Amino acid sequence: MSPLPPRLTKILLSFFIALSLAVPASPSAYNGHPKLVVVIVIDQFRGDYLDRYRDQFGDAGFRFLLDHGAYFPNCNYNYANTRTAPGHSTLFTGAYSNGHGIVANEWWDQKKKRMVTSVEDDDWGLLGVSEAKAGASPRNLLADTLGDELKLATEDKSRVFAISLKDRAAVLPGGFSADGAYWIEPKSGAWITSTYYRSKLPPWVENFNSTRPQKYWDRDWTDAQGVKLRSTAHRKTEKGAEAGFYEVIGSTGFANQYEFEFARELIVYENVGRGPDTDLLSISLSANDILGHQVGPDSPEMHQMALDLDRDLADFINFLGHQIGLADVWIALSADHGVSASPEVAKKLRLPAANLDLTRIESQINSAVAAKFSPGHAGSFVKLDYPIAWLDQDAFAAVHVREREAENAVGEAMVSATTEQAGLRDFYTKSQLAAGEVPNTALGRKYLNSYSPEAGWYVMGVPDIYSVGGNGKGTDHLSPYNYDTHVPLALYGIPFAPGTYRTAAEPVDLAPTLASLLGINAPTHSVGRVLSEAVATHHEASPNAQPEKPRP
């Protein structure tokens, strides 16, 4: 879809905003207003990006949400396991891992003797792939989502959809009752789903897959001056295999265009936002994360991706205005986590930083544990997903070691193995977290919120600042520090009073805020607050209304 001229886009947006003023106050899901709630989650979009590039954005993309919506620049996750699966779960359940149960992107499965993903489910299959593979479902969630509560409130009349390049970023936001969740097959870029949702791909998805992925190959991704940043020409991986769509196109600005193109098709062909009830659409944009891991947050490529995404977002908002009318649309924008500066950049500023050799550290941990429990006999006790260690319970059972002792031994080995490499400064075991044995400090509470009763035995290491597990390349997240926890939060729609609100906010506040304004129950385990300071309550405020006290 070709972008409209900036002047025309601005005129149209002004028209849609004017229309919104004529809509009656007090919308709710029970009277079918708004017609559509769109939650846009940008994977690895750190909270400072919007202010860093604000002067370079146009009027109709990010700045449309910042200027005409409620913007919370001081929004932080209050937990330590800042990964994609926990982040998306938190945004849509209003809970942290100790409520929704998703502790990581993947974890050790004791029965399968391998790492499994947070959404992997053998009870279902995949649609849109030629070979038989395990499907996906939200079965590991311990809490329901905003979409689930919307479906309950409207007796299943509302439609809920979620899309992303990643399965976990589509499945978990959709919740248990989603009408559809779509992600891509990494090699071809074709959109696929699980038989959990339906028995076959809709014709419109098959038609999309037959033509659209191909047009993103063999193109140059350039900056504003026309300088080539990357190419999507076919190439080989380091191991000699053919590089796929996810790897080649996913690390360019074209990937966001591709997702928005699919979102527009979904809205049109599924009549999303056109029925008598409120619908919900989650769009998780993955390209920022794919590229960010490779080049870090301060690279020219990440700068250009933010500018390209601004234009893509403007086009999509303009589409929503034409297709549904912005008077009947609410838009929320946030991210699942931030990211560390690349260790190379941090070191140049004399900050302590390290890009750790995880293979070596895992070997050191296993050697230390073996020396303690089975001297003279090598063993594989731990799988390291820095800074979390997953324990093989059978390996410890063979040497007659129980969970608490095993986890303590692994934690001590983790700190010892990485001391010389500035890797980990402390650890928390699953047993400690389950018993609430953490210091009553801000850091202790972050790890308590990261606890999940699922996923077997594990130990969470506390990394040093700017220490990442990239095996010498790129950068990462999964720390409790502000660069990983800080994300944007912006809300646009009739109920929201435009402005910048510097009160503390958390991603857990999104679901209960939207639920309250929709007039429905908050998700089952929601612990967030309603962001009432940003709600235009002048239509319904009573003379005795008192301002809400800030969260302690």
Protein backbone atom coordinates (compact mmCIF):
# COMPACT_ATOMS: atom_id res chain seq x y z
CA MET A 1 0.00 0.00 0.00
CA SER A 2 1.54 3.30 -1.07
CA PRO A 3 1.70 5.96 1.67
CA LEU A 4 -0.51 9.01 1.32
CA PRO A 5 1.08 12.45 0.94
CA PRO A 6 1.88 13.84 4.42
CA ARG A 7 -0.43 16.85 4.00
CA LEU A 8 -3.40 14.69 2.99
CA THR A 9 -2.72 12.24 5.82
CA LYS A 10 -2.69 15.10 8.32
CA ILE A 11 -5.99 16.48 6.96
CA LEU A 12 -7.66 13.08 7.14
CA LEU A 13 -6.46 12.45 10.69
CA SER A 14 -7.77 15.83 11.79
CA PHE A 15 -11.11 14.92 10.23
CA PHE A 16 -11.24 11.60 12.07
CA ILE A 17 -10.37 13.30 15.37
CA ALA A 18 -13.13 15.84 14.85
CA LEU A 19 -15.59 13.03 14.22
CA SER A 20 -14.64 11.41 17.51
CA LEU A 21 -15.89 14.46 19.42
CA ALA A 22 -19.42 13.74 18.27
CA VAL A 23 -19.52 10.21 19.71
CA PRO A 24 -21.51 9.82 22.96
CA ALA A 25 -19.51 9.51 26.19
CA SER A 26 -19.14 6.37 28.32
CA PRO A 27 -18.44 3.78 25.64
CA SER A 28 -18.34 0.15 26.75
CA ALA A 29 -18.19 -3.32 25.28
CA TYR A 30 -21.83 -3.75 26.27
CA ASN A 31 -22.97 -1.10 23.80
CA GLY A 32 -20.47 -2.08 21.13
CA HIS A 33 -18.14 0.90 21.50
CA PRO A 34 -15.40 1.09 20.56
CA LYS A 35 -15.70 -1.12 17.51
CA LEU A 36 -12.05 -2.11 17.74
CA VAL A 37 -9.26 -2.09 20.29
CA VAL A 38 -5.82 -2.43 18.70
CA VAL A 39 -2.85 -3.23 20.94
CA ILE A 40 0.48 -2.76 19.16
CA VAL A 41 3.44 -4.36 20.91
CA ILE A 42 6.87 -3.58 19.48
CA ASP A 43 9.29 -6.33 20.38
CA GLN A 44 12.43 -4.88 22.04
CA PHE A 45 11.35 -1.24 21.74
CA ARG A 46 13.01 0.47 24.68
CA GLY A 47 11.14 3.25 26.45
CA ASP A 48 13.59 6.02 25.53
CA TYR A 49 13.26 5.50 21.76
CA LEU A 50 10.15 7.66 21.42
CA ASP A 51 11.86 10.67 22.99
CA ARG A 52 15.19 9.96 21.30
CA TYR A 53 13.66 10.17 17.81
CA ARG A 54 10.56 12.27 18.49
CA ASP A 55 11.75 15.30 16.54
CA GLN A 56 12.40 13.09 13.52
CA PHE A 57 8.99 11.43 13.47
CA GLY A 58 6.18 12.67 11.25
CA ASP A 59 2.85 13.94 12.58
CA ALA A 60 0.76 10.88 11.78
CA GLY A 61 2.63 7.93 13.33
CA PHE A 62 4.15 7.79 16.79
CA ARG A 63 3.54 11.51 17.34
CA PHE A 64 -0.14 11.06 16.53
CA LEU A 65 -0.38 8.77 19.56
CA LEU A 66 1.86 11.00 21.70
CA ASP A 67 0.13 14.27 20.77
CA HIS A 68 -3.48 13.04 20.72
CA GLY A 69 -3.26 10.23 23.27
CA ALA A 70 -2.16 9.62 26.84
CA TYR A 71 1.57 8.96 26.99
CA PHE A 72 3.37 7.40 29.97
CA PRO A 73 7.15 7.78 29.46
CA ASN A 74 7.89 6.34 32.92
CA CYS A 75 6.61 2.81 32.36
CA ASN A 76 8.65 -0.13 33.69
CA TYR A 77 8.17 -3.85 34.17
CA ASN A 78 8.50 -4.75 37.83
CA TYR A 79 10.14 -8.10 37.24
CA ALA A 80 13.48 -9.50 36.09
CA ASN A 81 12.62 -12.04 33.36
CA THR A 82 12.37 -9.51 30.55
CA ARG A 83 11.75 -11.83 27.62
CA THR A 84 9.20 -11.92 24.80
CA ALA A 85 6.83 -14.58 26.14
CA PRO A 86 6.60 -13.22 29.72
CA GLY A 87 6.28 -9.64 28.41
CA HIS A 88 3.38 -10.35 26.08
CA SER A 89 1.68 -12.42 28.76
CA THR A 90 2.05 -9.59 31.25
CA LEU A 91 0.58 -6.97 28.93
CA PHE A 92 -2.57 -8.98 28.25
CA THR A 93 -3.14 -10.63 31.66
CA GLY A 94 -2.26 -7.64 33.83
CA ALA A 95 -0.10 -10.00 35.90
CA TYR A 96 3.56 -10.88 36.22
CA SER A 97 4.99 -14.38 35.91
CA ASN A 98 3.94 -15.25 39.46
CA GLY A 99 0.38 -14.77 38.22
CA HIS A 100 0.35 -15.87 34.56
CA GLY A 101 3.00 -18.60 34.90
CA ILE A 102 5.09 -17.83 31.80
CA VAL A 103 8.63 -17.59 33.13
CA ALA A 104 10.63 -17.60 29.87
CA ASN A 105 10.46 -18.13 26.12
CA GLU A 106 11.42 -21.77 26.59
CA TRP A 107 12.37 -24.14 29.36
CA TRP A 108 13.62 -27.66 30.05
CA ASP A 109 10.99 -30.38 29.65
CA GLN A 110 11.79 -33.26 31.97
CA LYS A 111 9.78 -35.83 29.99
CA LYS A 112 11.08 -34.85 26.56
CA LYS A 113 14.63 -34.26 27.78
CA ARG A 114 14.94 -31.08 25.74
CA MET A 115 14.04 -27.41 25.77
CA VAL A 116 10.44 -26.69 24.76
CA THR A 117 8.81 -23.39 23.86
CA SER A 118 6.30 -21.56 26.01
CA VAL A 119 3.49 -22.30 23.53
CA GLU A 120 4.47 -25.74 22.19
CA ASP A 121 1.58 -28.21 22.38
CA ASP A 122 1.67 -31.77 20.98
CA ASP A 123 -2.10 -32.08 21.22
CA TRP A 124 -2.47 -29.83 18.18
CA GLY A 125 -0.88 -29.52 14.74
CA LEU A 126 0.25 -26.67 12.51
CA LEU A 127 -1.67 -25.37 9.50
CA GLY A 128 0.22 -23.93 6.55
CA VAL A 129 3.30 -26.16 6.74
CA SER A 130 3.95 -29.26 4.66
CA GLU A 131 5.55 -31.44 7.33
CA ALA A 132 3.83 -32.59 10.51
CA LYS A 133 4.95 -30.49 13.46
CA ALA A 134 3.72 -29.89 16.99
CA GLY A 135 1.14 -27.13 17.16
CA ALA A 136 0.84 -24.28 19.59
CA SER A 137 -1.65 -23.19 22.21
CA PRO A 138 -1.90 -20.97 25.31
CA ARG A 139 -2.19 -24.01 27.61
CA ASN A 140 0.78 -22.91 29.76
CA LEU A 141 -0.96 -19.69 30.80
CA LEU A 142 -2.23 -19.81 34.39
CA ALA A 143 -4.36 -16.69 33.95
CA ASP A 144 -6.85 -15.49 31.37
CA THR A 145 -6.38 -12.42 29.17
CA LEU A 146 -8.15 -9.22 28.24
CA GLY A 147 -9.45 -10.94 25.11
CA ASP A 148 -10.85 -13.82 27.14
CA GLU A 149 -12.74 -11.42 29.40
CA LEU A 150 -14.06 -9.54 26.37
CA LYS A 151 -15.34 -12.80 24.88
CA LEU A 152 -17.00 -13.73 28.18
CA ALA A 153 -18.63 -10.32 28.53
CA THR A 154 -20.13 -10.35 25.04
CA GLU A 155 -21.08 -14.05 25.06
CA ASP A 156 -18.47 -14.82 22.40
CA LYS A 157 -19.76 -12.15 20.02
CA SER A 158 -16.54 -10.12 20.10
CA ARG A 159 -13.76 -11.36 17.86
CA VAL A 160 -10.18 -11.58 19.10
CA PHE A 161 -7.16 -11.94 16.80
CA ALA A 162 -3.41 -11.78 17.35
CA ILE A 163 -0.52 -11.72 14.87
CA SER A 164 3.28 -11.67 15.03
CA LEU A 165 6.26 -13.12 13.23
CA LYS A 166 6.76 -15.21 16.41
CA ASP A 167 4.37 -17.89 17.63
CA ARG A 168 4.63 -16.94 21.30
CA ALA A 169 3.92 -13.28 20.55
CA ALA A 170 0.69 -14.24 18.78
CA VAL A 171 -0.57 -17.13 20.91
CA LEU A 172 -0.13 -15.64 24.39
CA PRO A 173 -1.77 -12.24 23.69
CA GLY A 174 -4.73 -13.99 22.08
CA GLY A 175 -5.45 -16.01 25.20
CA PHE A 176 -7.55 -19.14 25.40
CA SER A 177 -10.56 -18.04 23.37
CA ALA A 178 -9.00 -16.13 20.46
CA ASP A 179 -10.67 -16.56 17.08
CA GLY A 180 -7.28 -16.66 15.44
CA ALA A 181 -3.57 -16.33 16.09
CA TYR A 182 -1.14 -16.16 13.16
CA TRP A 183 2.64 -16.19 12.88
CA ILE A 184 5.07 -17.02 10.09
CA GLU A 185 6.88 -20.14 9.00
CA PRO A 186 10.51 -18.97 9.35
CA LYS A 187 11.84 -20.25 6.02
CA SER A 188 9.10 -19.16 3.63
CA GLY A 189 7.52 -16.28 5.55
CA ALA A 190 4.07 -17.84 4.99
CA TRP A 191 1.49 -17.13 7.68
CA ILE A 192 0.53 -20.21 9.65
CA THR A 193 -1.58 -21.12 12.67
CA SER A 194 -2.45 -24.04 14.93
CA THR A 195 -5.34 -26.48 14.74
CA TYR A 196 -6.13 -25.20 18.24
CA TYR A 197 -7.86 -22.30 16.48
CA ARG A 198 -9.35 -23.85 13.33
CA SER A 199 -9.30 -26.89 11.09
CA LYS A 200 -7.86 -25.20 8.00
CA LEU A 201 -6.34 -21.92 6.87
CA PRO A 202 -8.89 -19.38 5.62
CA PRO A 203 -8.75 -18.83 1.84
CA TRP A 204 -7.66 -15.22 2.28
CA VAL A 205 -4.56 -16.37 4.21
CA GLU A 206 -3.73 -18.93 1.53
CA ASN A 207 -4.09 -16.25 -1.14
CA PHE A 208 -1.86 -13.90 0.84
CA ASN A 209 0.80 -16.58 1.21
CA SER A 210 0.79 -17.34 -2.49
CA THR A 211 1.98 -13.87 -3.55
CA ARG A 212 2.95 -11.48 -0.76
CA PRO A 213 6.14 -12.96 0.80
CA GLN A 214 7.92 -13.02 -2.57
CA LYS A 215 7.78 -9.27 -3.09
CA TYR A 216 10.01 -8.63 -0.07
CA TRP A 217 12.96 -10.62 -1.42
CA ASP A 218 15.86 -9.16 -3.43
CA ARG A 219 15.42 -5.58 -2.26
CA ASP A 220 17.76 -3.03 -0.71
CA TRP A 221 16.82 -1.56 2.63
CA THR A 222 18.17 2.01 2.66
CA ASP A 223 18.31 4.97 4.98
CA ALA A 224 16.86 8.42 4.34
CA GLN A 225 19.87 9.34 2.19
CA GLY A 226 19.55 6.22 0.06
CA VAL A 227 22.54 4.48 1.64
CA LYS A 228 22.06 0.71 1.63
CA LEU A 229 21.83 -0.72 5.12
CA ARG A 230 20.95 -4.30 4.23
CA SER A 231 19.85 -6.45 1.32
CA THR A 232 17.16 -9.10 1.22
CA ALA A 233 18.91 -11.00 -1.56
CA HIS A 234 18.91 -14.76 -1.08
CA ARG A 235 21.96 -15.94 0.84
CA LYS A 236 23.42 -18.80 2.81
CA THR A 237 23.67 -19.06 6.58
CA GLU A 238 26.98 -19.56 8.36
CA LYS A 239 26.29 -23.29 8.30
CA GLY A 240 25.67 -23.30 4.54
CA ALA A 241 21.88 -23.65 4.56
CA GLU A 242 19.56 -21.31 2.69
CA ALA A 243 18.70 -18.36 4.94
CA GLY A 244 14.97 -17.97 5.47
CA PHE A 245 12.47 -15.12 5.46
CA TYR A 246 12.62 -14.61 9.23
CA GLU A 247 16.39 -14.22 9.23
CA VAL A 248 16.84 -12.17 6.04
CA ILE A 249 13.72 -9.98 5.80
CA GLY A 250 12.91 -10.11 9.50
CA SER A 251 15.99 -8.04 10.32
CA THR A 252 14.96 -5.16 8.02
CA GLY A 253 12.25 -2.52 8.07
CA PHE A 254 10.40 -4.52 5.41
CA ALA A 255 9.26 -6.98 8.08
CA ASN A 256 7.07 -4.37 9.79
CA GLN A 257 5.51 -3.49 6.44
CA TYR A 258 4.79 -7.17 5.93
CA GLU A 259 3.05 -7.51 9.29
CA PHE A 260 0.92 -4.41 8.78
CA GLU A 261 -0.01 -5.63 5.32
CA PHE A 262 -1.24 -8.90 6.82
CA ALA A 263 -3.08 -7.02 9.58
CA ARG A 264 -4.96 -4.94 6.99
CA GLU A 265 -5.97 -8.10 5.11
CA LEU A 266 -7.16 -9.70 8.33
CA ILE A 267 -9.27 -6.67 9.24
CA VAL A 268 -10.86 -6.57 5.78
CA TYR A 269 -11.54 -10.28 5.25
CA GLU A 270 -12.57 -11.08 8.83
CA ASN A 271 -14.66 -7.87 9.08
CA VAL A 272 -12.81 -6.94 12.26
CA GLY A 273 -14.24 -3.81 13.82
CA ARG A 274 -17.25 -3.83 11.51
CA GLY A 275 -19.69 -5.84 13.63
CA PRO A 276 -22.07 -4.81 16.42
CA ASP A 277 -19.60 -5.75 19.19
CA THR A 278 -16.16 -4.63 20.30
CA ASP A 279 -13.31 -6.58 18.70
CA LEU A 280 -9.67 -6.87 19.81
CA LEU A 281 -6.57 -7.13 17.64
CA SER A 282 -3.04 -7.62 18.92
CA ILE A 283 -0.16 -6.82 16.56
CA SER A 284 3.29 -7.75 17.80
CA LEU A 285 6.03 -6.34 15.56
CA SER A 286 9.07 -8.60 15.72
CA ALA A 287 11.63 -6.92 13.44
CA ASN A 288 12.98 -4.57 16.11
CA ASP A 289 14.00 -7.56 18.21
CA ILE A 290 15.48 -9.61 15.37
CA LEU A 291 17.68 -6.71 14.27
CA GLY A 292 18.32 -5.33 17.75
CA HIS A 293 19.98 -8.50 18.99
CA GLN A 294 22.45 -8.28 16.11
CA VAL A 295 23.41 -4.59 16.13
CA GLY A 296 22.33 -3.11 19.47
CA PRO A 297 20.08 -0.14 20.24
CA ASP A 298 22.52 2.60 19.22
CA SER A 299 23.21 1.51 15.65
CA PRO A 300 22.23 3.38 12.46
CA GLU A 301 20.09 0.40 11.45
CA MET A 302 17.95 0.63 14.59
CA HIS A 303 17.60 4.37 14.07
CA GLN A 304 16.33 3.84 10.54
CA MET A 305 13.99 1.06 11.59
CA ALA A 306 12.33 3.42 14.07
CA LEU A 307 11.83 6.03 11.34
CA ASP A 308 10.49 3.46 8.89
CA LEU A 309 8.15 2.07 11.52
CA ASP A 310 6.86 5.58 12.17
CA ARG A 311 5.75 5.82 8.53
CA ASP A 312 4.29 2.31 8.57
CA LEU A 313 2.34 3.14 11.72
CA ALA A 314 1.01 6.33 10.13
CA ASP A 315 -0.23 4.36 7.13
CA PHE A 316 -1.92 1.83 9.39
CA ILE A 317 -3.63 4.49 11.51
CA ASN A 318 -4.82 6.12 8.31
CA PHE A 319 -6.18 2.73 7.17
CA LEU A 320 -8.08 2.32 10.45
CA GLY A 321 -9.60 5.76 9.94
CA HIS A 322 -10.86 4.83 6.49
CA GLN A 323 -11.93 1.27 7.30
CA ILE A 324 -13.58 1.77 10.70
CA GLY A 325 -13.30 5.41 11.73
CA LEU A 326 -10.96 6.57 14.47
CA ALA A 327 -13.97 7.63 16.52
CA ASP A 328 -14.60 3.93 17.06
CA VAL A 329 -11.00 2.77 17.55
CA TRP A 330 -8.80 2.65 20.63
CA ILE A 331 -5.07 2.13 20.12
CA ALA A 332 -2.57 1.06 22.77
CA LEU A 333 1.17 1.01 22.14
CA SER A 334 3.81 -0.68 24.29
CA ALA A 335 6.68 -3.18 24.20
CA ASP A 336 7.51 -6.53 25.76
CA HIS A 337 10.96 -5.48 27.02
CA GLY A 338 13.87 -3.16 26.35
CA VAL A 339 17.48 -4.07 25.58
CA SER A 340 21.01 -3.56 26.84
CA ALA A 341 23.50 -1.38 25.05
CA SER A 342 25.89 -3.62 23.20
CA PRO A 343 28.87 -4.42 25.45
CA GLU A 344 31.22 -2.89 22.87
CA VAL A 345 29.42 0.47 23.11
CA ALA A 346 29.27 0.32 26.91
CA LYS A 347 32.98 -0.46 27.20
CA LYS A 348 33.91 2.57 25.10
CA LEU A 349 32.27 4.68 27.80
CA ARG A 350 34.23 2.79 30.49
CA LEU A 351 31.10 1.03 31.75
CA PRO A 352 31.55 -2.52 33.06
CA ALA A 353 30.24 -4.82 30.33
CA ALA A 354 30.73 -8.33 28.96
CA ASN A 355 29.50 -10.53 26.14
CA LEU A 356 29.82 -13.96 27.69
CA ASP A 357 30.84 -17.31 26.27
CA LEU A 358 27.80 -19.34 27.30
CA THR A 359 29.15 -22.66 26.09
CA ARG A 360 32.16 -22.27 28.36
CA ILE A 361 30.07 -21.11 31.33
CA GLU A 362 27.60 -24.00 30.98
CA SER A 363 30.52 -26.43 30.90
CA GLN A 364 32.04 -24.85 34.02
CA ILE A 365 28.73 -25.08 35.89
CA ASN A 366 28.27 -28.74 34.99
CA SER A 367 31.86 -29.54 35.97
CA ALA A 368 31.45 -27.81 39.34
CA VAL A 369 28.18 -29.63 40.08
CA ALA A 370 29.64 -32.97 39.01
CA ALA A 371 32.68 -32.42 41.23
CA LYS A 372 30.36 -31.79 44.17
CA PHE A 373 27.92 -34.67 43.73
CA SER A 374 29.68 -37.26 41.56
CA PRO A 375 33.47 -36.76 41.83
CA GLY A 376 35.37 -38.30 38.96
CA HIS A 377 32.28 -38.69 36.82
CA ALA A 378 31.31 -36.00 34.31
CA GLY A 379 27.62 -35.20 34.06
CA SER A 380 25.16 -32.91 32.35
CA PHE A 381 23.07 -31.39 35.12
CA VAL A 382 22.20 -27.98 33.68
CA LYS A 383 21.06 -26.30 30.47
CA LEU A 384 22.00 -22.61 30.54
CA ASP A 385 19.80 -19.94 28.97
CA TYR A 386 21.67 -16.98 30.39
CA PRO A 387 21.05 -15.89 33.06
CA ILE A 388 18.64 -18.76 33.86
CA ALA A 389 19.84 -22.31 34.48
CA TRP A 390 17.39 -25.16 33.89
CA LEU A 391 18.09 -28.29 35.94
CA ASP A 392 17.73 -31.90 34.80
CA GLN A 393 15.88 -33.47 37.72
CA ASP A 394 16.78 -37.01 36.66
CA ALA A 395 20.49 -36.20 36.70
CA PHE A 396 20.20 -35.00 40.30
CA ALA A 397 17.96 -37.91 41.29
CA ALA A 398 20.69 -40.26 40.09
CA VAL A 399 23.05 -38.78 42.70
CA HIS A 400 20.26 -38.58 45.33
CA VAL A 401 20.03 -34.79 45.47
CA ARG A 402 16.72 -33.02 46.05
CA GLU A 403 15.48 -29.76 44.56
CA ARG A 404 16.56 -27.16 47.12
CA GLU A 405 20.06 -28.60 47.51
CA ALA A 406 20.41 -29.01 43.73
CA GLU A 407 19.33 -25.44 43.00
CA ASN A 408 21.61 -23.97 45.67
CA ALA A 409 24.57 -25.92 44.30
CA VAL A 410 23.84 -24.75 40.75
CA GLY A 411 23.44 -21.15 41.88
CA GLU A 412 26.79 -21.22 43.68
CA ALA A 413 28.41 -22.76 40.61
CA MET A 414 26.85 -20.11 38.36
CA VAL A 415 28.30 -17.24 40.38
CA SER A 416 31.67 -18.97 40.77
CA ALA A 417 31.93 -19.89 37.08
CA THR A 418 31.34 -16.36 35.89
CA THR A 419 33.08 -14.27 38.54
CA GLU A 420 36.20 -13.67 36.48
CA GLN A 421 34.07 -12.73 33.46
CA ALA A 422 31.88 -10.16 35.28
CA GLY A 423 28.82 -12.31 34.59
CA LEU A 424 26.61 -12.87 37.66
CA ARG A 425 26.60 -11.23 41.04
CA ASP A 426 23.92 -13.31 42.80
CA PHE A 427 21.16 -15.85 42.22
CA TYR A 428 17.66 -16.83 43.29
CA THR A 429 16.47 -20.44 43.23
CA LYS A 430 12.96 -21.57 42.42
CA SER A 431 12.69 -22.96 45.95
CA GLN A 432 13.63 -19.59 47.45
CA LEU A 433 11.13 -17.74 45.29
CA ALA A 434 8.35 -20.23 46.04
CA ALA A 435 8.88 -19.66 49.77
CA GLY A 436 9.17 -15.88 49.37
CA GLU A 437 12.73 -15.95 50.68
CA VAL A 438 13.89 -12.73 49.04
CA PRO A 439 15.08 -9.43 50.49
CA ASN A 440 12.38 -6.82 50.91
CA THR A 441 14.04 -4.60 48.33
CA ALA A 442 13.07 -3.37 44.88
CA LEU A 443 15.37 -5.97 43.32
CA GLY A 444 14.06 -8.76 45.52
CA ARG A 445 10.46 -7.96 44.56
CA LYS A 446 11.38 -8.05 40.87
CA TYR A 447 12.63 -11.62 41.24
CA LEU A 448 9.62 -12.59 43.33
CA ASN A 449 7.39 -11.35 40.51
CA SER A 450 9.45 -13.48 38.10
CA TYR A 451 8.62 -16.72 39.89
CA SER A 452 6.50 -19.39 38.23
CA PRO A 453 5.46 -22.74 39.72
CA GLU A 454 5.80 -24.25 36.25
CA ALA A 455 8.90 -25.24 34.22
CA GLY A 456 10.58 -27.71 36.57
CA TRP A 457 13.65 -26.75 38.62
CA TYR A 458 15.53 -23.57 37.80
CA VAL A 459 17.90 -20.90 39.11
CA MET A 460 17.72 -17.22 38.11
CA GLY A 461 21.09 -15.51 38.06
CA VAL A 462 21.39 -11.80 38.78
CA PRO A 463 23.62 -10.45 36.00
CA ASP A 464 26.06 -7.60 36.28
CA ILE A 465 25.05 -4.50 34.36
CA TYR A 466 25.59 -4.67 30.60
CA SER A 467 26.55 -8.34 30.81
CA VAL A 468 24.78 -10.34 28.12
CA GLY A 469 24.81 -13.90 26.89
CA GLY A 470 25.50 -13.30 23.24
CA ASN A 471 28.50 -15.61 22.84
CA GLY A 472 30.56 -12.65 21.73
CA LYS A 473 28.02 -11.18 19.30
CA GLY A 474 25.36 -8.49 19.53
CA THR A 475 23.39 -7.84 22.68
CA ASP A 476 20.47 -9.19 24.71
CA HIS A 477 17.91 -8.58 27.45
CA LEU A 478 16.66 -10.57 30.50
CA SER A 479 17.91 -8.42 33.32
CA PRO A 480 16.12 -6.48 36.09
CA TYR A 481 17.75 -3.19 35.07
CA ASN A 482 15.99 -0.15 33.64
CA TYR A 483 17.37 -0.56 30.13
CA ASP A 484 15.49 -3.89 29.96
CA THR A 485 12.38 -2.97 31.98
CA HIS A 486 11.71 0.50 30.50
CA VAL A 487 9.07 0.43 27.75
CA PRO A 488 6.70 2.98 26.21
CA LEU A 489 3.00 3.10 27.00
CA ALA A 490 0.60 5.24 24.98
CA LEU A 491 -3.19 5.09 24.81
CA TYR A 492 -5.36 6.73 22.17
CA GLY A 493 -9.16 6.89 22.00
CA ILE A 494 -12.20 8.79 23.22
CA PRO A 495 -11.79 7.93 26.93
CA PHE A 496 -8.20 9.13 27.16
CA ALA A 497 -7.27 12.70 28.01
CA PRO A 498 -4.34 13.65 25.76
CA GLY A 499 -1.15 14.53 27.56
CA THR A 500 2.15 13.28 28.91
CA TYR A 501 1.79 11.65 32.31
CA ARG A 502 5.02 11.21 34.24
CA THR A 503 3.44 9.22 37.05
CA ALA A 504 4.88 5.73 37.42
CA ALA A 505 3.12 3.15 35.29
CA GLU A 506 3.64 -0.54 34.63
CA PRO A 507 2.68 -2.80 31.73
CA VAL A 508 0.37 -4.67 34.14
CA ASP A 509 -1.75 -1.49 34.14
CA LEU A 510 -2.74 -1.81 30.47
CA ALA A 511 -5.20 -4.70 30.73
CA PRO A 512 -7.13 -3.45 33.79
CA THR A 513 -7.28 0.07 32.35
CA LEU A 514 -8.79 -1.13 29.07
CA ALA A 515 -11.06 -3.57 30.92
CA SER A 516 -12.38 -0.84 33.20
CA LEU A 517 -13.13 1.50 30.30
CA LEU A 518 -14.80 -1.34 28.38
CA GLY A 519 -16.95 -2.05 31.43
CA ILE A 520 -15.77 -5.67 31.71
CA ASN A 521 -13.92 -7.67 34.33
CA ALA A 522 -10.17 -7.35 34.49
CA PRO A 523 -8.30 -10.60 33.72
CA THR A 524 -8.33 -13.19 36.50
CA HIS A 525 -4.88 -12.51 37.97
CA SER A 526 -4.55 -8.82 37.13
CA VAL A 527 -2.62 -6.80 39.71
CA GLY A 528 -2.32 -3.54 37.77
CA ARG A 529 -4.13 -0.32 38.49
CA VAL A 530 -6.46 1.69 36.29
CA LEU A 531 -4.52 4.66 34.90
CA SER A 532 -7.28 7.01 36.00
CA GLU A 533 -5.12 10.13 35.73
CA ALA A 534 -5.23 9.72 31.95
CA VAL A 535 -8.97 9.06 31.69
CA ALA A 536 -11.21 11.90 30.52
CA THR A 537 -13.67 11.58 33.42
CA HIS A 538 -15.29 15.01 33.12
CA HIS A 539 -18.43 13.40 31.68
CA GLU A 540 -19.01 11.18 34.71
CA ALA A 541 -17.05 12.59 37.67
CA SER A 542 -19.08 13.20 40.83
CA PRO A 543 -18.60 16.25 43.09
CA ASN A 544 -17.11 13.96 45.75
CA ALA A 545 -14.59 12.29 43.44
CA GLN A 546 -11.09 12.12 44.90
CA PRO A 547 -7.82 11.69 42.98
CA GLU A 548 -6.38 8.19 43.17
CA LYS A 549 -3.45 7.74 45.51
CA PRO A 550 -0.21 6.75 43.78
CA ARG A 551 0.89 3.12 44.01
CA PRO A 552 3.31 2.55 46.91
